[in-house]
């Protein structure tokens, strides 16, 4: 406590000291309340932002999953065509169907 404050409170005695302490506590309490309110508002904003971010990540994951499925389907179809083209028997001259 500042010595000047103490000397200015001495004429008021114990009641002045109690009033000073009460006022000091109220100021500190108001400051804590302000800090808590700001922190709460910041948390609410961050929660909203995180919710949006999670939504974007979900949509991106859904899009990438669909893309992967399409690529797998295309790759499987391409592989099937490749296997079919290798497995088709070549017709020879002795084959009756080729003679017609």
N, C-alpha and C. Protein backbone atom coordinates (compact mmCIF):
# COMPACT_ATOMS: atom_id res chain seq x y z
N UNK A 1 0.84 -1.17 0.00
CA UNK A 1 0.00 0.00 0.00
C UNK A 1 0.90 1.24 0.00
N UNK A 2 0.50 2.22 -0.73
CA UNK A 2 1.25 3.46 -0.87
C UNK A 2 1.18 4.27 0.43
N UNK A 3 2.32 4.79 0.92
CA UNK A 3 2.30 5.58 2.17
C UNK A 3 1.40 6.80 2.10
N UNK A 4 1.27 7.41 0.94
CA UNK A 4 0.40 8.58 0.78
C UNK A 4 -1.06 8.19 1.01
N UNK A 5 -1.42 7.03 0.53
CA UNK A 5 -2.79 6.54 0.71
C UNK A 5 -3.06 6.29 2.17
N UNK A 6 -2.09 5.73 2.86
CA UNK A 6 -2.27 5.44 4.28
C UNK A 6 -2.46 6.73 5.07
N UNK A 7 -1.64 7.74 4.78
CA UNK A 7 -1.78 9.00 5.51
C UNK A 7 -3.09 9.71 5.18
N UNK A 8 -3.58 9.53 3.95
CA UNK A 8 -4.86 10.17 3.62
C UNK A 8 -6.03 9.43 4.25
N UNK A 9 -5.84 8.15 4.60
CA UNK A 9 -6.91 7.38 5.23
C UNK A 9 -6.92 7.50 6.76
N UNK A 10 -5.83 7.94 7.34
CA UNK A 10 -5.74 7.99 8.80
C UNK A 10 -6.81 8.87 9.45
N UNK A 11 -7.22 9.96 8.84
CA UNK A 11 -8.28 10.74 9.49
C UNK A 11 -9.60 9.99 9.55
N UNK A 12 -9.79 9.02 8.67
CA UNK A 12 -11.05 8.27 8.66
C UNK A 12 -11.02 7.05 9.56
N UNK A 13 -9.86 6.71 10.06
CA UNK A 13 -9.72 5.60 11.00
C UNK A 13 -9.99 4.25 10.34
N UNK A 14 -10.47 3.33 11.15
CA UNK A 14 -10.71 1.96 10.69
C UNK A 14 -11.78 1.93 9.61
N UNK A 15 -12.80 2.79 9.74
CA UNK A 15 -13.87 2.81 8.74
C UNK A 15 -13.33 3.21 7.38
N UNK A 16 -12.40 4.16 7.36
CA UNK A 16 -11.78 4.59 6.10
C UNK A 16 -10.97 3.47 5.47
N UNK A 17 -10.23 2.74 6.33
CA UNK A 17 -9.43 1.63 5.83
C UNK A 17 -10.32 0.53 5.26
N UNK A 18 -11.39 0.23 5.97
CA UNK A 18 -12.33 -0.81 5.50
C UNK A 18 -12.97 -0.38 4.18
N UNK A 19 -13.35 0.90 4.09
CA UNK A 19 -13.96 1.40 2.85
C UNK A 19 -12.97 1.34 1.70
N UNK A 20 -11.71 1.71 1.97
CA UNK A 20 -10.68 1.64 0.94
C UNK A 20 -10.48 0.21 0.47
N UNK A 21 -10.38 -0.72 1.42
CA UNK A 21 -10.20 -2.12 1.05
C UNK A 21 -11.40 -2.64 0.26
N UNK A 22 -12.59 -2.22 0.65
CA UNK A 22 -13.79 -2.67 -0.05
C UNK A 22 -13.79 -2.14 -1.49
N UNK A 23 -13.45 -0.86 -1.66
CA UNK A 23 -13.40 -0.28 -3.00
C UNK A 23 -12.33 -0.95 -3.87
N UNK A 24 -11.18 -1.21 -3.25
CA UNK A 24 -10.10 -1.89 -3.99
C UNK A 24 -10.54 -3.27 -4.43
N UNK A 25 -11.22 -3.99 -3.55
CA UNK A 25 -11.70 -5.33 -3.90
C UNK A 25 -12.75 -5.25 -5.00
N UNK A 26 -13.63 -4.28 -4.97
CA UNK A 26 -14.67 -4.12 -6.00
C UNK A 26 -14.04 -3.82 -7.35
N UNK A 27 -13.01 -2.98 -7.38
CA UNK A 27 -12.32 -2.68 -8.64
C UNK A 27 -11.66 -3.95 -9.20
N UNK A 28 -10.99 -4.67 -8.33
CA UNK A 28 -10.33 -5.90 -8.78
C UNK A 28 -11.37 -6.92 -9.25
N UNK A 29 -12.48 -6.99 -8.55
CA UNK A 29 -13.55 -7.92 -8.93
C UNK A 29 -14.14 -7.53 -10.29
N UNK A 30 -14.35 -6.24 -10.50
CA UNK A 30 -14.89 -5.77 -11.79
C UNK A 30 -13.91 -6.09 -12.92
N UNK A 31 -12.63 -5.94 -12.66
CA UNK A 31 -11.61 -6.26 -13.67
C UNK A 31 -11.61 -7.76 -13.98
N UNK A 32 -11.68 -8.59 -12.96
CA UNK A 32 -11.75 -10.04 -13.18
C UNK A 32 -13.00 -10.41 -13.97
N UNK A 33 -14.12 -9.78 -13.63
CA UNK A 33 -15.37 -10.05 -14.35
C UNK A 33 -15.25 -9.67 -15.82
N UNK A 34 -14.63 -8.52 -16.09
CA UNK A 34 -14.40 -8.09 -17.48
C UNK A 34 -13.53 -9.09 -18.22
N UNK A 35 -12.45 -9.55 -17.57
CA UNK A 35 -11.57 -10.53 -18.19
C UNK A 35 -12.29 -11.84 -18.47
N UNK A 36 -13.12 -12.28 -17.53
CA UNK A 36 -13.89 -13.51 -17.72
C UNK A 36 -14.89 -13.37 -18.87
N UNK A 37 -15.53 -12.22 -18.95
CA UNK A 37 -16.49 -11.98 -20.03
C UNK A 37 -15.78 -12.00 -21.39
N UNK A 38 -14.64 -11.34 -21.48
CA UNK A 38 -13.86 -11.33 -22.72
C UNK A 38 -13.42 -12.75 -23.09
N UNK A 39 -12.95 -13.50 -22.11
CA UNK A 39 -12.51 -14.88 -22.39
C UNK A 39 -13.69 -15.73 -22.85
N UNK A 40 -14.85 -15.55 -22.23
CA UNK A 40 -16.03 -16.31 -22.64
C UNK A 40 -16.43 -15.96 -24.07
N UNK A 41 -16.44 -14.68 -24.41
CA UNK A 41 -16.79 -14.26 -25.76
C UNK A 41 -15.80 -14.83 -26.78
N UNK A 42 -14.53 -14.82 -26.43
CA UNK A 42 -13.49 -15.36 -27.31
C UNK A 42 -13.70 -16.86 -27.53
N UNK A 43 -14.04 -17.57 -26.45
CA UNK A 43 -14.29 -19.02 -26.57
C UNK A 43 -15.52 -19.32 -27.42
N UNK A 44 -16.55 -18.51 -27.28
CA UNK A 44 -17.76 -18.71 -28.10
C UNK A 44 -17.44 -18.48 -29.57
N UNK A 45 -16.66 -17.43 -29.88
CA UNK A 45 -16.25 -17.17 -31.26
C UNK A 45 -15.42 -18.32 -31.80
N UNK A 46 -14.46 -18.79 -31.01
CA UNK A 46 -13.59 -19.89 -31.45
C UNK A 46 -14.39 -21.16 -31.67
N UNK A 47 -15.38 -21.39 -30.83
CA UNK A 47 -16.22 -22.58 -30.99
C UNK A 47 -16.96 -22.52 -32.32
N UNK A 48 -17.48 -21.35 -32.65
CA UNK A 48 -18.18 -21.16 -33.91
C UNK A 48 -17.22 -21.37 -35.09
N UNK A 49 -16.03 -20.80 -34.99
CA UNK A 49 -15.04 -20.95 -36.05
C UNK A 49 -14.60 -22.40 -36.20
N UNK A 50 -14.40 -23.08 -35.08
CA UNK A 50 -14.02 -24.49 -35.15
C UNK A 50 -15.12 -25.35 -35.74
N UNK A 51 -16.36 -25.00 -35.45
CA UNK A 51 -17.48 -25.72 -36.02
C UNK A 51 -17.48 -25.59 -37.54
N UNK A 52 -17.24 -24.38 -38.03
CA UNK A 52 -17.15 -24.17 -39.47
C UNK A 52 -15.98 -24.94 -40.07
N UNK A 53 -14.86 -24.93 -39.40
CA UNK A 53 -13.68 -25.64 -39.88
C UNK A 53 -13.92 -27.14 -39.95
N UNK A 54 -14.56 -27.69 -38.94
CA UNK A 54 -14.88 -29.13 -38.94
C UNK A 54 -15.82 -29.45 -40.10
N UNK A 55 -16.77 -28.57 -40.37
CA UNK A 55 -17.68 -28.77 -41.51
C UNK A 55 -16.93 -28.80 -42.83
N UNK A 56 -15.98 -27.89 -42.99
CA UNK A 56 -15.18 -27.85 -44.22
C UNK A 56 -14.35 -29.13 -44.35
N UNK A 57 -13.75 -29.57 -43.26
CA UNK A 57 -12.94 -30.79 -43.30
C UNK A 57 -13.82 -31.99 -43.66
N UNK A 58 -15.02 -32.06 -43.10
CA UNK A 58 -15.93 -33.16 -43.44
C UNK A 58 -16.28 -33.16 -44.91
N UNK A 59 -16.59 -31.97 -45.45
CA UNK A 59 -16.94 -31.88 -46.87
C UNK A 59 -15.74 -32.26 -47.75
N UNK A 60 -14.56 -31.83 -47.39
CA UNK A 60 -13.37 -32.19 -48.15
C UNK A 60 -13.12 -33.69 -48.10
N UNK A 61 -13.31 -34.28 -46.93
CA UNK A 61 -13.14 -35.72 -46.79
C UNK A 61 -14.15 -36.46 -47.66
N UNK A 62 -15.38 -35.99 -47.64
CA UNK A 62 -16.43 -36.61 -48.46
C UNK A 62 -16.06 -36.52 -49.95
N UNK A 63 -15.57 -35.36 -50.38
CA UNK A 63 -15.18 -35.17 -51.78
C UNK A 63 -14.00 -36.07 -52.16
N UNK A 64 -13.00 -36.14 -51.28
CA UNK A 64 -11.84 -36.99 -51.56
C UNK A 64 -12.23 -38.47 -51.59
N UNK A 65 -13.15 -38.87 -50.73
CA UNK A 65 -13.61 -40.26 -50.73
C UNK A 65 -14.34 -40.58 -52.03
N UNK A 66 -15.17 -39.66 -52.49
CA UNK A 66 -15.88 -39.86 -53.76
C UNK A 66 -14.89 -39.92 -54.92
N UNK A 67 -13.88 -39.05 -54.90
CA UNK A 67 -12.87 -39.06 -55.95
C UNK A 67 -12.09 -40.37 -55.94
N UNK A 68 -11.72 -40.84 -54.77
CA UNK A 68 -10.99 -42.11 -54.67
C UNK A 68 -11.85 -43.26 -55.19
N UNK A 69 -13.11 -43.28 -54.84
CA UNK A 69 -14.00 -44.34 -55.31
C UNK A 69 -14.12 -44.30 -56.83
N UNK A 70 -14.24 -43.11 -57.40
CA UNK A 70 -14.32 -42.99 -58.86
C UNK A 70 -13.04 -43.46 -59.52
N UNK A 71 -11.90 -43.10 -58.96
CA UNK A 71 -10.62 -43.53 -59.53
C UNK A 71 -10.45 -45.04 -59.42
N UNK A 72 -10.88 -45.62 -58.31
CA UNK A 72 -10.79 -47.07 -58.16
C UNK A 72 -11.70 -47.77 -59.18
N UNK A 73 -12.90 -47.24 -59.36
CA UNK A 73 -13.83 -47.82 -60.33
C UNK A 73 -13.24 -47.73 -61.74
N UNK A 74 -12.70 -46.58 -62.08
CA UNK A 74 -12.10 -46.40 -63.41
C UNK A 74 -10.90 -47.32 -63.59
N UNK A 75 -10.09 -47.42 -62.56
CA UNK A 75 -8.91 -48.30 -62.63
C UNK A 75 -9.33 -49.75 -62.78
N UNK A 76 -10.36 -50.16 -62.04
CA UNK A 76 -10.85 -51.54 -62.14
C UNK A 76 -11.41 -51.82 -63.53
N UNK A 77 -12.16 -50.86 -64.08
CA UNK A 77 -12.71 -51.03 -65.44
C UNK A 77 -11.60 -51.10 -66.46
N UNK A 78 -10.60 -50.28 -66.31
CA UNK A 78 -9.47 -50.29 -67.24
C UNK A 78 -8.71 -51.60 -67.15
N UNK A 79 -8.52 -52.09 -65.93
CA UNK A 79 -7.83 -53.37 -65.75
C UNK A 79 -8.65 -54.51 -66.35
N UNK A 80 -9.98 -54.47 -66.18
CA UNK A 80 -10.84 -55.51 -66.73
C UNK A 80 -10.77 -55.51 -68.25
N UNK A 81 -10.78 -54.34 -68.87
CA UNK A 81 -10.67 -54.26 -70.33
C UNK A 81 -9.33 -54.79 -70.81
N UNK A 82 -8.29 -54.49 -70.07
CA UNK A 82 -6.96 -54.95 -70.43
C UNK A 82 -6.89 -56.47 -70.36
N UNK A 83 -7.47 -57.05 -69.32
CA UNK A 83 -7.46 -58.51 -69.16
C UNK A 83 -8.30 -59.14 -70.26
N UNK A 84 -9.46 -58.56 -70.58
CA UNK A 84 -10.32 -59.09 -71.64
C UNK A 84 -9.61 -59.09 -72.98
N UNK A 85 -8.89 -58.03 -73.27
CA UNK A 85 -8.21 -57.95 -74.57
C UNK A 85 -7.09 -58.97 -74.67
N UNK A 86 -6.47 -59.33 -73.58
CA UNK A 86 -5.42 -60.34 -73.60
C UNK A 86 -6.00 -61.74 -73.65
N UNK A 87 -7.21 -61.92 -73.14
CA UNK A 87 -7.78 -63.26 -73.06
C UNK A 87 -8.61 -63.62 -74.29
N UNK A 88 -8.92 -62.71 -75.19
CA UNK A 88 -9.70 -63.01 -76.38
C UNK A 88 -8.86 -63.90 -77.29
N UNK A 89 -9.39 -65.10 -77.62
CA UNK A 89 -8.58 -66.01 -78.46
C UNK A 89 -8.47 -65.46 -79.88
N UNK A 90 -7.30 -65.64 -80.44
CA UNK A 90 -7.08 -65.20 -81.82
C UNK A 90 -7.64 -66.28 -82.75
N UNK A 91 -8.38 -65.84 -83.70
CA UNK A 91 -8.98 -66.81 -84.62
C UNK A 91 -7.93 -67.22 -85.65
N UNK A 92 -7.89 -68.50 -85.89
CA UNK A 92 -6.93 -69.01 -86.88
C UNK A 92 -7.65 -69.29 -88.18
N UNK A 93 -6.90 -69.65 -89.19
CA UNK A 93 -7.46 -69.91 -90.50
C UNK A 93 -8.30 -71.19 -90.46
N UNK A 94 -7.96 -72.18 -89.60
CA UNK A 94 -8.70 -73.41 -89.50
C UNK A 94 -10.05 -73.22 -88.83
N UNK A 95 -10.28 -72.13 -88.17
CA UNK A 95 -11.53 -71.88 -87.46
C UNK A 95 -12.67 -71.76 -88.46
N UNK A 96 -13.74 -72.58 -88.32
CA UNK A 96 -14.82 -72.54 -89.29
C UNK A 96 -15.52 -71.19 -89.32
N UNK A 97 -15.55 -70.50 -88.22
CA UNK A 97 -16.23 -69.21 -88.21
C UNK A 97 -15.50 -68.20 -89.05
N UNK A 98 -14.20 -68.30 -89.13
CA UNK A 98 -13.44 -67.35 -89.90
C UNK A 98 -13.51 -67.66 -91.39
N UNK A 99 -13.85 -68.88 -91.73
CA UNK A 99 -13.93 -69.27 -93.14
C UNK A 99 -15.19 -68.69 -93.78
N UNK A 100 -16.19 -68.40 -93.03
CA UNK A 100 -17.44 -67.92 -93.61
C UNK A 100 -17.42 -66.51 -94.03
